[in-house]
Amino acid sequence: MSGGGYGLLVILFFFGLAGGLVGRMKGSSFMLWFLVSFCVPFLGLLCAVLYRYESRELRRQCPRCGRVTKLYDAVCVVCGEELEFPEEAISSEERTRRLLAARRAAARAGGAE
């Protein structure tokens, strides 16, 4: 390779690294977003930035095995049950964490008085 080829590989590597880190922060696969951002530098990184946060997705419970899955899953990954769209969804992981943290803080504040 000529001297310019190595520079291009370095730039592609850092685009891939940035895309992978953004994808991982959003709860997705580091390697998938690394490869997408490496192969299609600007567009891949932009897609990783605009991709949804997995922890903000609504969830539902499998009627057969009870496993909690994402609302958009059509089949349970544990038992293979085909999932119908539920009447009610379970709140997202992020919202549940925030509610639990708020309850703990309120209990500490109530116990400190």
C-alpha atoms as a PDB file:
ATOM      1  CA  MET A   1       0.000   0.000   0.000  1.00  0.00           C
ATOM      2  CA  SER A   2       1.126   3.514  -0.590  1.00  0.00           C
ATOM      3  CA  GLY A   3       1.402   6.015   2.287  1.00  0.00           C
ATOM      4  CA  GLY A   4      -2.118   7.340   1.644  1.00  0.00           C
ATOM      5  CA  GLY A   5      -3.689   3.900   1.990  1.00  0.00           C
ATOM      6  CA  TYR A   6      -2.618   3.549   5.608  1.00  0.00           C
ATOM      7  CA  GLY A   7      -4.030   6.968   6.418  1.00  0.00           C
ATOM      8  CA  LEU A   8      -7.376   5.902   4.972  1.00  0.00           C
ATOM      9  CA  LEU A   9      -7.359   2.727   7.083  1.00  0.00           C
ATOM     10  CA  VAL A  10      -6.678   4.786  10.208  1.00  0.00           C
ATOM     11  CA  ILE A  11      -9.581   7.109   9.404  1.00  0.00           C
ATOM     12  CA  LEU A  12     -11.885   4.158   8.685  1.00  0.00           C
ATOM     13  CA  PHE A  13     -10.805   2.472  11.936  1.00  0.00           C
ATOM     14  CA  PHE A  14     -11.692   5.543  13.988  1.00  0.00           C
ATOM     15  CA  PHE A  15     -15.058   5.921  12.238  1.00  0.00           C
ATOM     16  CA  GLY A  16     -15.697   2.257  13.022  1.00  0.00           C
ATOM     17  CA  LEU A  17     -14.622   2.728  16.633  1.00  0.00           C
ATOM     18  CA  ALA A  18     -16.875   5.764  17.069  1.00  0.00           C
ATOM     19  CA  GLY A  19     -19.854   3.960  15.501  1.00  0.00           C
ATOM     20  CA  GLY A  20     -19.238   0.871  17.638  1.00  0.00           C
ATOM     21  CA  LEU A  21     -19.056   2.894  20.850  1.00  0.00           C
ATOM     22  CA  VAL A  22     -22.235   4.823  20.031  1.00  0.00           C
ATOM     23  CA  GLY A  23     -24.046   1.587  19.171  1.00  0.00           C
ATOM     24  CA  ARG A  24     -22.844  -0.045  22.418  1.00  0.00           C
ATOM     25  CA  MET A  25     -23.989   2.947  24.497  1.00  0.00           C
ATOM     26  CA  LYS A  26     -27.453   2.533  22.972  1.00  0.00           C
ATOM     27  CA  GLY A  27     -27.553  -1.151  23.915  1.00  0.00           C
ATOM     28  CA  SER A  28     -26.793  -2.624  20.515  1.00  0.00           C
ATOM     29  CA  SER A  29     -23.878  -4.701  19.187  1.00  0.00           C
ATOM     30  CA  PHE A  30     -20.470  -3.002  19.204  1.00  0.00           C
ATOM     31  CA  MET A  31     -19.140  -5.207  16.405  1.00  0.00           C
ATOM     32  CA  LEU A  32     -22.145  -4.659  14.145  1.00  0.00           C
ATOM     33  CA  TRP A  33     -21.912  -0.867  14.388  1.00  0.00           C
ATOM     34  CA  PHE A  34     -18.114  -0.992  14.109  1.00  0.00           C
ATOM     35  CA  LEU A  35     -18.393  -2.840  10.791  1.00  0.00           C
ATOM     36  CA  VAL A  36     -21.164  -0.602   9.451  1.00  0.00           C
ATOM     37  CA  SER A  37     -19.301   2.583  10.384  1.00  0.00           C
ATOM     38  CA  PHE A  38     -15.987   1.185   9.099  1.00  0.00           C
ATOM     39  CA  CYS A  39     -17.410   0.202   5.710  1.00  0.00           C
ATOM     40  CA  VAL A  40     -19.618   3.269   5.197  1.00  0.00           C
ATOM     41  CA  PRO A  41     -17.862   5.946   7.298  1.00  0.00           C
ATOM     42  CA  PHE A  42     -20.084   9.026   7.472  1.00  0.00           C
ATOM     43  CA  LEU A  43     -23.426   7.353   6.837  1.00  0.00           C
ATOM     44  CA  GLY A  44     -22.688   4.441   9.208  1.00  0.00           C
ATOM     45  CA  LEU A  45     -21.793   6.757  12.083  1.00  0.00           C
ATOM     46  CA  LEU A  46     -24.860   8.897  11.398  1.00  0.00           C
ATOM     47  CA  CYS A  47     -27.087   5.796  11.473  1.00  0.00           C
ATOM     48  CA  ALA A  48     -25.530   4.698  14.773  1.00  0.00           C
ATOM     49  CA  VAL A  49     -26.218   8.120  16.291  1.00  0.00           C
ATOM     50  CA  LEU A  50     -29.845   8.122  15.075  1.00  0.00           C
ATOM     51  CA  TYR A  51     -30.516   4.479  16.049  1.00  0.00           C
ATOM     52  CA  ARG A  52     -32.982   3.834  18.881  1.00  0.00           C
ATOM     53  CA  TYR A  53     -31.978   3.217  22.491  1.00  0.00           C
ATOM     54  CA  GLU A  54     -32.722  -0.428  23.345  1.00  0.00           C
ATOM     55  CA  SER A  55     -33.289   0.431  27.021  1.00  0.00           C
ATOM     56  CA  ARG A  56     -36.093   2.860  26.084  1.00  0.00           C
ATOM     57  CA  GLU A  57     -38.145   0.229  24.211  1.00  0.00           C
ATOM     58  CA  LEU A  58     -41.411  -0.989  25.724  1.00  0.00           C
ATOM     59  CA  ARG A  59     -41.519  -4.639  26.765  1.00  0.00           C
ATOM     60  CA  ARG A  60     -44.017  -7.484  27.113  1.00  0.00           C
ATOM     61  CA  GLN A  61     -44.163 -10.848  28.847  1.00  0.00           C
ATOM     62  CA  CYS A  62     -44.372 -14.199  27.076  1.00  0.00           C
ATOM     63  CA  PRO A  63     -47.644 -15.947  28.027  1.00  0.00           C
ATOM     64  CA  ARG A  64     -46.026 -19.417  27.940  1.00  0.00           C
ATOM     65  CA  CYS A  65     -42.657 -19.065  29.758  1.00  0.00           C
ATOM     66  CA  GLY A  66     -42.994 -15.619  31.374  1.00  0.00           C
ATOM     67  CA  ARG A  67     -39.814 -14.148  29.847  1.00  0.00           C
ATOM     68  CA  VAL A  68     -39.897 -10.377  29.371  1.00  0.00           C
ATOM     69  CA  THR A  69     -39.025  -9.425  25.780  1.00  0.00           C
ATOM     70  CA  LYS A  70     -39.061  -6.275  23.688  1.00  0.00           C
ATOM     71  CA  LEU A  71     -42.451  -5.234  22.345  1.00  0.00           C
ATOM     72  CA  TYR A  72     -41.301  -5.572  18.739  1.00  0.00           C
ATOM     73  CA  ASP A  73     -40.230  -9.240  19.138  1.00  0.00           C
ATOM     74  CA  ALA A  74     -42.599 -11.540  17.240  1.00  0.00           C
ATOM     75  CA  VAL A  75     -41.334 -14.823  18.738  1.00  0.00           C
ATOM     76  CA  CYS A  76     -40.102 -15.624  22.265  1.00  0.00           C
ATOM     77  CA  VAL A  77     -36.403 -16.496  22.117  1.00  0.00           C
ATOM     78  CA  VAL A  78     -36.711 -18.989  25.012  1.00  0.00           C
ATOM     79  CA  CYS A  79     -39.749 -21.135  24.204  1.00  0.00           C
ATOM     80  CA  GLY A  80     -40.520 -20.207  20.566  1.00  0.00           C
ATOM     81  CA  GLU A  81     -44.066 -19.011  21.322  1.00  0.00           C
ATOM     82  CA  GLU A  82     -45.473 -16.689  18.642  1.00  0.00           C
ATOM     83  CA  LEU A  83     -46.319 -13.450  20.419  1.00  0.00           C
ATOM     84  CA  GLU A  84     -49.470 -11.496  19.682  1.00  0.00           C
ATOM     85  CA  PHE A  85     -49.550  -7.736  20.227  1.00  0.00           C
ATOM     86  CA  PRO A  86     -50.388  -7.293  23.934  1.00  0.00           C
ATOM     87  CA  GLU A  87     -53.248  -5.325  25.468  1.00  0.00           C
ATOM     88  CA  GLU A  88     -50.796  -3.670  27.866  1.00  0.00           C
ATOM     89  CA  ALA A  89     -47.054  -3.150  27.582  1.00  0.00           C
ATOM     90  CA  ILE A  90     -44.504  -3.229  30.388  1.00  0.00           C
ATOM     91  CA  SER A  91     -42.581   0.006  30.880  1.00  0.00           C
ATOM     92  CA  SER A  92     -39.086   0.298  29.435  1.00  0.00           C
ATOM     93  CA  GLU A  93     -35.980  -0.740  31.372  1.00  0.00           C
ATOM     94  CA  GLU A  94     -34.843   2.871  31.631  1.00  0.00           C
ATOM     95  CA  ARG A  95     -38.166   4.072  33.036  1.00  0.00           C
ATOM     96  CA  THR A  96     -38.254   1.192  35.529  1.00  0.00           C
ATOM     97  CA  ARG A  97     -34.723   2.047  36.733  1.00  0.00           C
ATOM     98  CA  ARG A  98     -35.678   5.715  37.165  1.00  0.00           C
ATOM     99  CA  LEU A  99     -38.823   4.837  39.134  1.00  0.00           C
ATOM    100  CA  LEU A 100     -36.900   2.476  41.435  1.00  0.00           C
ATOM    101  CA  ALA A 101     -34.200   5.100  42.014  1.00  0.00           C
ATOM    102  CA  ALA A 102     -36.863   7.704  42.857  1.00  0.00           C
ATOM    103  CA  ARG A 103     -38.558   5.310  45.304  1.00  0.00           C
ATOM    104  CA  ARG A 104     -35.244   4.519  47.006  1.00  0.00           C
ATOM    105  CA  ALA A 105     -34.420   8.219  47.303  1.00  0.00           C
ATOM    106  CA  ALA A 106     -37.870   8.928  48.780  1.00  0.00           C
ATOM    107  CA  ALA A 107     -37.464   6.057  51.268  1.00  0.00           C
ATOM    108  CA  ARG A 108     -34.045   7.355  52.339  1.00  0.00           C
ATOM    109  CA  ALA A 109     -35.388  10.886  52.712  1.00  0.00           C
ATOM    110  CA  GLY A 110     -38.374   9.596  54.712  1.00  0.00           C
ATOM    111  CA  GLY A 111     -36.126   7.481  56.941  1.00  0.00           C
ATOM    112  CA  ALA A 112     -33.660  10.330  57.547  1.00  0.00           C
ATOM    113  CA  GLU A 113     -36.303  12.575  59.086  1.00  0.00           C
END
